């Protein structure tokens, strides 16, 4: 992860300060020329670096040290993938854009042959940040994968998800489906909120019932506590958690509330799990 972030950061810097120095000798940078060809008017050079990593390089701008630095970072990034071995790596440097096409020799993850599902290979582009944009063919369905490249793990996670459930992947790319899903989640959240509010009300009813039952007199007559006094006790206890029961009762009586010692004890027990 750190190496990939460093690579992307270096690409930003290199593109920002890129200054053409005219033609370069690849050998001066430890690169061996293996061959040259032209495709669609673009001159392509097959190169091998000092670590025996081969790639094809092209440029529609003059090549200088900055462009060679870009190539080095891209080669390090792609050959650093754990999930694939490289059949061909093609890097084309433009004035403000780098295009990278990877054709894997093998591309496996979680037992899935991703190489067979990406017949045109994997494409990356770099303008302001590194992104991927390529297609998969799964069960006769063409799936377009496009997004910002963060690391290999996240890219593989998306690839595997698309391979395992292409229909769901297609749905997830549909704006109408996404809006519908958001609406469903909002409804689910509203139901959860309603259930929570109902549970809170039900809990308060149970507490009040226990409070009334436990507050009966010696002869069983019901004495309903002053609801305002109970509410004020709860507020004071939350504001001053250090108040003991005697101090709480004195505070309430000073404010003009009538509440018995037993009622204070019951509220402390039922609402705050304090039984002393």
Protein backbone atom coordinates (compact mmCIF):
# COMPACT_ATOMS: atom_id res chain seq x y z
CA UNK A 1 0.00 0.00 0.00
CA UNK A 2 2.71 2.49 0.94
CA UNK A 3 4.73 1.65 -2.20
CA UNK A 4 1.70 2.13 -4.44
CA UNK A 5 0.86 5.46 -2.83
CA UNK A 6 4.47 6.53 -3.28
CA UNK A 7 4.35 5.50 -6.93
CA UNK A 8 1.15 7.46 -7.58
CA UNK A 9 2.53 10.50 -5.77
CA UNK A 10 5.68 10.37 -7.86
CA UNK A 11 3.61 10.18 -11.04
CA UNK A 12 1.81 13.37 -10.01
CA UNK A 13 5.08 15.18 -9.44
CA UNK A 14 6.68 13.92 -12.63
CA UNK A 15 3.75 14.91 -14.81
CA UNK A 16 3.57 18.31 -13.16
CA UNK A 17 7.21 19.16 -13.88
CA UNK A 18 7.67 17.23 -17.12
CA UNK A 19 9.99 19.12 -19.46
CA UNK A 20 11.05 17.61 -22.76
CA UNK A 21 14.75 17.13 -23.22
CA UNK A 22 14.58 15.83 -26.76
CA UNK A 23 15.64 12.35 -27.82
CA UNK A 24 17.28 10.12 -25.24
CA UNK A 25 19.42 7.03 -25.40
CA UNK A 26 17.51 4.31 -23.51
CA UNK A 27 20.80 2.60 -22.69
CA UNK A 28 21.73 5.61 -20.56
CA UNK A 29 18.92 4.61 -18.21
CA UNK A 30 19.74 0.92 -17.97
CA UNK A 31 17.21 -0.03 -20.65
CA UNK A 32 17.99 -2.45 -23.46
CA UNK A 33 16.22 -1.98 -26.78
CA UNK A 34 14.82 -5.32 -27.97
CA UNK A 35 12.93 -4.10 -31.01
CA UNK A 36 10.91 -1.35 -32.63
CA UNK A 37 7.71 -1.17 -34.64
CA UNK A 38 5.07 1.34 -35.68
CA UNK A 39 1.33 1.00 -35.03
CA UNK A 40 -1.19 3.58 -36.21
CA UNK A 41 1.61 6.06 -36.72
CA UNK A 42 2.97 5.58 -33.19
CA UNK A 43 6.52 4.37 -32.77
CA UNK A 44 6.72 1.58 -30.19
CA UNK A 45 9.96 0.39 -28.63
CA UNK A 46 10.26 -2.91 -26.78
CA UNK A 47 12.57 -2.47 -23.79
CA UNK A 48 14.02 -4.55 -20.99
CA UNK A 49 15.23 -3.04 -17.74
CA UNK A 50 18.07 -4.19 -15.50
CA UNK A 51 15.69 -6.51 -13.62
CA UNK A 52 14.79 -8.35 -16.86
CA UNK A 53 11.30 -6.84 -16.94
CA UNK A 54 10.12 -6.28 -20.50
CA UNK A 55 7.64 -3.66 -21.66
CA UNK A 56 6.63 -1.69 -24.73
CA UNK A 57 7.08 2.06 -24.67
CA UNK A 58 5.61 4.71 -26.91
CA UNK A 59 5.28 8.47 -26.74
CA UNK A 60 3.47 11.08 -28.76
CA UNK A 61 5.62 13.74 -27.14
CA UNK A 62 9.39 14.20 -27.00
CA UNK A 63 11.00 11.79 -24.55
CA UNK A 64 13.19 13.10 -21.76
CA UNK A 65 14.24 12.24 -18.23
CA UNK A 66 10.79 13.01 -16.87
CA UNK A 67 9.14 10.55 -19.25
CA UNK A 68 11.68 7.85 -18.39
CA UNK A 69 10.93 8.41 -14.69
CA UNK A 70 7.23 7.85 -15.39
CA UNK A 71 8.03 4.60 -17.17
CA UNK A 72 10.10 3.36 -14.24
CA UNK A 73 7.30 4.03 -11.75
CA UNK A 74 4.67 2.36 -13.91
CA UNK A 75 6.83 -0.73 -14.45
CA UNK A 76 7.41 -1.01 -10.70
CA UNK A 77 3.69 -0.70 -10.03
CA UNK A 78 2.47 -3.25 -12.56
CA UNK A 79 5.19 -5.83 -12.03
CA UNK A 80 4.53 -5.48 -8.30
CA UNK A 81 1.06 -7.04 -8.60
CA UNK A 82 0.89 -10.37 -6.76
CA UNK A 83 -2.12 -11.67 -8.67
CA UNK A 84 -0.72 -11.61 -12.19
CA UNK A 85 2.28 -12.37 -14.33
CA UNK A 86 2.82 -10.12 -17.33
CA UNK A 87 2.58 -11.16 -20.98
CA UNK A 88 2.84 -7.60 -22.26
CA UNK A 89 2.97 -4.20 -20.62
CA UNK A 90 2.48 -1.22 -22.90
CA UNK A 91 3.07 2.34 -21.71
CA UNK A 92 2.25 5.33 -23.88
CA UNK A 93 3.20 8.75 -22.56
CA UNK A 94 1.36 11.78 -23.87
CA UNK A 95 1.83 15.42 -23.05
CA UNK A 96 -0.51 15.30 -20.03
CA UNK A 97 -1.66 11.68 -19.92
CA UNK A 98 -0.16 8.26 -19.41
CA UNK A 99 -1.94 5.22 -20.87
CA UNK A 100 -1.04 1.78 -19.55
CA UNK A 101 -2.26 -1.48 -21.06
CA UNK A 102 -1.54 -4.75 -19.29
CA UNK A 103 -2.01 -8.11 -20.97
CA UNK A 104 -1.54 -10.75 -18.26
CA UNK A 105 -0.02 -14.13 -18.90
CA UNK A 106 -1.80 -15.41 -15.80
CA UNK A 107 -4.27 -13.52 -13.65
CA UNK A 108 -5.80 -15.49 -10.77
CA UNK A 109 -7.42 -14.58 -7.47
CA UNK A 110 -9.58 -16.63 -5.09
CA UNK A 111 -9.51 -19.49 -7.58
CA UNK A 112 -10.97 -17.35 -10.37
CA UNK A 113 -9.20 -17.04 -13.72
CA UNK A 114 -9.53 -13.29 -14.11
CA UNK A 115 -7.32 -13.34 -17.19
CA UNK A 116 -9.95 -15.34 -19.08
CA UNK A 117 -12.57 -12.78 -18.05
CA UNK A 118 -10.53 -9.80 -19.27
CA UNK A 119 -9.72 -10.78 -22.88
CA UNK A 120 -8.58 -7.26 -23.81
CA UNK A 121 -6.40 -6.97 -20.73
CA UNK A 122 -6.45 -4.33 -18.03
CA UNK A 123 -6.09 -0.63 -18.79
CA UNK A 124 -4.94 2.16 -16.53
CA UNK A 125 -4.85 5.89 -17.18
CA UNK A 126 -3.19 8.70 -15.36
CA UNK A 127 -4.11 12.36 -15.65
CA UNK A 128 -4.64 13.82 -12.20
CA UNK A 129 -4.82 10.43 -10.49
CA UNK A 130 -4.44 6.79 -11.45
CA UNK A 131 -7.64 5.13 -12.63
CA UNK A 132 -8.61 1.89 -14.33
CA UNK A 133 -11.07 1.49 -17.18
CA UNK A 134 -11.59 -1.88 -18.87
CA UNK A 135 -14.19 -4.53 -19.60
CA UNK A 136 -14.89 -8.03 -18.35
CA UNK A 137 -16.82 -10.72 -20.20
CA UNK A 138 -18.74 -12.87 -17.72
CA UNK A 139 -21.44 -15.36 -18.80
CA UNK A 140 -21.93 -13.47 -22.04
CA UNK A 141 -22.31 -10.13 -20.26
CA UNK A 142 -19.94 -7.23 -20.88
CA UNK A 143 -19.13 -5.44 -17.65
CA UNK A 144 -17.29 -2.13 -17.58
CA UNK A 145 -15.08 -1.58 -14.56
CA UNK A 146 -14.00 1.97 -14.04
CA UNK A 147 -12.75 3.80 -10.98
CA UNK A 148 -9.85 5.28 -9.09
CA UNK A 149 -7.06 2.84 -8.41
CA UNK A 150 -6.19 2.71 -4.72
CA UNK A 151 -4.48 -0.65 -4.36
CA UNK A 152 -4.43 -4.13 -5.84
CA UNK A 153 -6.57 -5.60 -3.07
CA UNK A 154 -9.53 -3.29 -3.69
CA UNK A 155 -9.32 -3.78 -7.45
CA UNK A 156 -9.32 -7.56 -7.02
CA UNK A 157 -12.28 -7.33 -4.65
CA UNK A 158 -14.27 -5.54 -7.32
CA UNK A 159 -13.17 -7.95 -10.05
CA UNK A 160 -14.14 -11.00 -8.00
CA UNK A 161 -17.49 -9.46 -7.07
CA UNK A 162 -18.27 -8.84 -10.74
CA UNK A 163 -17.14 -12.34 -11.71
CA UNK A 164 -19.26 -14.03 -9.05
CA UNK A 165 -22.42 -12.00 -9.61
CA UNK A 166 -22.38 -10.13 -12.94
CA UNK A 167 -26.11 -9.38 -12.87
CA UNK A 168 -25.85 -7.64 -9.52
CA UNK A 169 -22.78 -5.76 -10.73
CA UNK A 170 -24.70 -4.47 -13.75
CA UNK A 171 -27.54 -3.37 -11.50
CA UNK A 172 -25.12 -1.56 -9.23
CA UNK A 173 -23.93 0.51 -12.19
CA UNK A 174 -27.49 1.57 -13.05
CA UNK A 175 -28.36 5.00 -11.55
CA UNK A 176 -32.04 4.04 -11.27
CA UNK A 177 -31.12 0.91 -9.34
CA UNK A 178 -28.89 2.93 -7.03
CA UNK A 179 -31.66 5.47 -6.39
CA UNK A 180 -34.09 2.64 -5.72
CA UNK A 181 -31.63 1.04 -3.32
CA UNK A 182 -31.13 4.34 -1.50
CA UNK A 183 -34.91 4.66 -1.16
CA UNK A 184 -35.12 1.14 0.27
CA UNK A 185 -32.39 1.93 2.79
CA UNK A 186 -34.17 5.13 3.81
CA UNK A 187 -37.39 3.19 4.38
CA UNK A 188 -35.53 0.56 6.37
CA UNK A 189 -33.92 3.28 8.47
CA UNK A 190 -37.34 4.87 9.09
CA UNK A 191 -38.74 1.50 10.22
CA UNK A 192 -35.77 0.96 12.52
CA UNK A 193 -36.19 4.44 13.98
CA UNK A 194 -39.90 3.78 14.55
CA UNK A 195 -39.15 0.45 16.24
CA UNK A 196 -36.54 2.13 18.44
CA UNK A 197 -38.96 4.86 19.47
CA UNK A 198 -41.59 2.22 20.23
CA UNK A 199 -39.07 0.29 22.34
CA UNK A 200 -38.15 3.43 24.28
CA UNK A 201 -41.83 4.17 24.99
CA UNK A 202 -42.42 0.57 26.02
CA UNK A 203 -39.40 0.65 28.33
CA UNK A 204 -40.68 3.80 30.01
CA UNK A 205 -44.08 2.21 30.50
CA UNK A 206 -42.50 -0.80 32.17
CA UNK A 207 -40.36 1.40 34.39
CA UNK A 208 -43.36 3.47 35.42
CA UNK A 209 -45.40 0.34 36.12
CA UNK A 210 -42.66 -1.11 38.33
CA UNK A 211 -42.23 2.24 40.03
CA UNK A 212 -45.94 2.40 40.87
CA UNK A 213 -46.11 -1.22 42.02
CA UNK A 214 -43.05 -0.95 44.24
CA UNK A 215 -44.30 2.34 45.69
CA UNK A 216 -47.39 0.79 47.28
CA UNK A 217 -48.04 1.47 50.93
CA UNK A 218 -47.83 -1.11 53.68
CA UNK A 219 -51.51 -1.93 53.20
CA UNK A 220 -51.26 -2.17 49.43
CA UNK A 221 -52.74 1.15 48.43
CA UNK A 222 -51.25 2.59 45.25
CA UNK A 223 -49.26 5.81 45.48
CA UNK A 224 -48.42 7.25 42.09
CA UNK A 225 -45.16 9.25 42.18
CA UNK A 226 -45.16 12.82 40.94
CA UNK A 227 -44.17 12.49 37.27
CA UNK A 228 -42.62 15.97 37.25
CA UNK A 229 -40.51 15.11 40.30
CA UNK A 230 -39.32 11.87 38.68
CA UNK A 231 -38.43 13.68 35.45
CA UNK A 232 -36.54 16.38 37.35
CA UNK A 233 -34.66 13.71 39.33
CA UNK A 234 -33.54 12.07 36.09
CA UNK A 235 -32.38 15.42 34.69
CA UNK A 236 -30.44 16.29 37.85
CA UNK A 237 -28.86 12.83 38.03
CA UNK A 238 -27.64 13.16 34.42
CA UNK A 239 -26.35 16.67 35.09
CA UNK A 240 -24.78 15.83 38.47
CA UNK A 241 -23.93 12.10 38.44
CA UNK A 242 -22.20 12.38 41.82
CA UNK A 243 -25.38 13.28 43.74
CA UNK A 244 -26.31 10.54 46.20
CA UNK A 245 -29.92 9.76 47.01
CA UNK A 246 -30.16 11.89 50.15
CA UNK A 247 -28.63 14.91 48.43
CA UNK A 248 -30.91 14.37 45.46
CA UNK A 249 -34.03 14.34 47.61
CA UNK A 250 -32.91 17.48 49.43
CA UNK A 251 -32.24 19.18 46.10
CA UNK A 252 -35.67 18.28 44.77
CA UNK A 253 -37.46 19.41 47.90
CA UNK A 254 -35.55 22.70 47.74
CA UNK A 255 -36.96 23.14 44.24
CA UNK A 256 -40.48 22.52 45.53
CA UNK A 257 -40.96 18.90 44.48
CA UNK A 258 -42.54 16.33 46.77
CA UNK A 259 -40.86 12.94 46.60
CA UNK A 260 -40.33 10.24 49.19
CA UNK A 261 -37.07 8.55 50.08
CA UNK A 262 -38.43 5.27 48.70
CA UNK A 263 -39.37 6.91 45.41
CA UNK A 264 -35.87 8.34 45.05
CA UNK A 265 -34.45 4.86 45.69
CA UNK A 266 -36.76 3.29 43.10
CA UNK A 267 -35.81 5.83 40.41
CA UNK A 268 -32.10 5.31 41.10
CA UNK A 269 -32.63 1.55 40.86
CA UNK A 270 -34.80 1.47 37.74
CA UNK A 271 -33.09 4.18 35.71
CA UNK A 272 -29.47 4.07 36.85
CA UNK A 273 -28.99 0.56 38.28
CA UNK A 274 -27.94 1.97 41.66
CA UNK A 275 -29.32 0.06 44.62
CA UNK A 276 -27.72 1.76 47.59
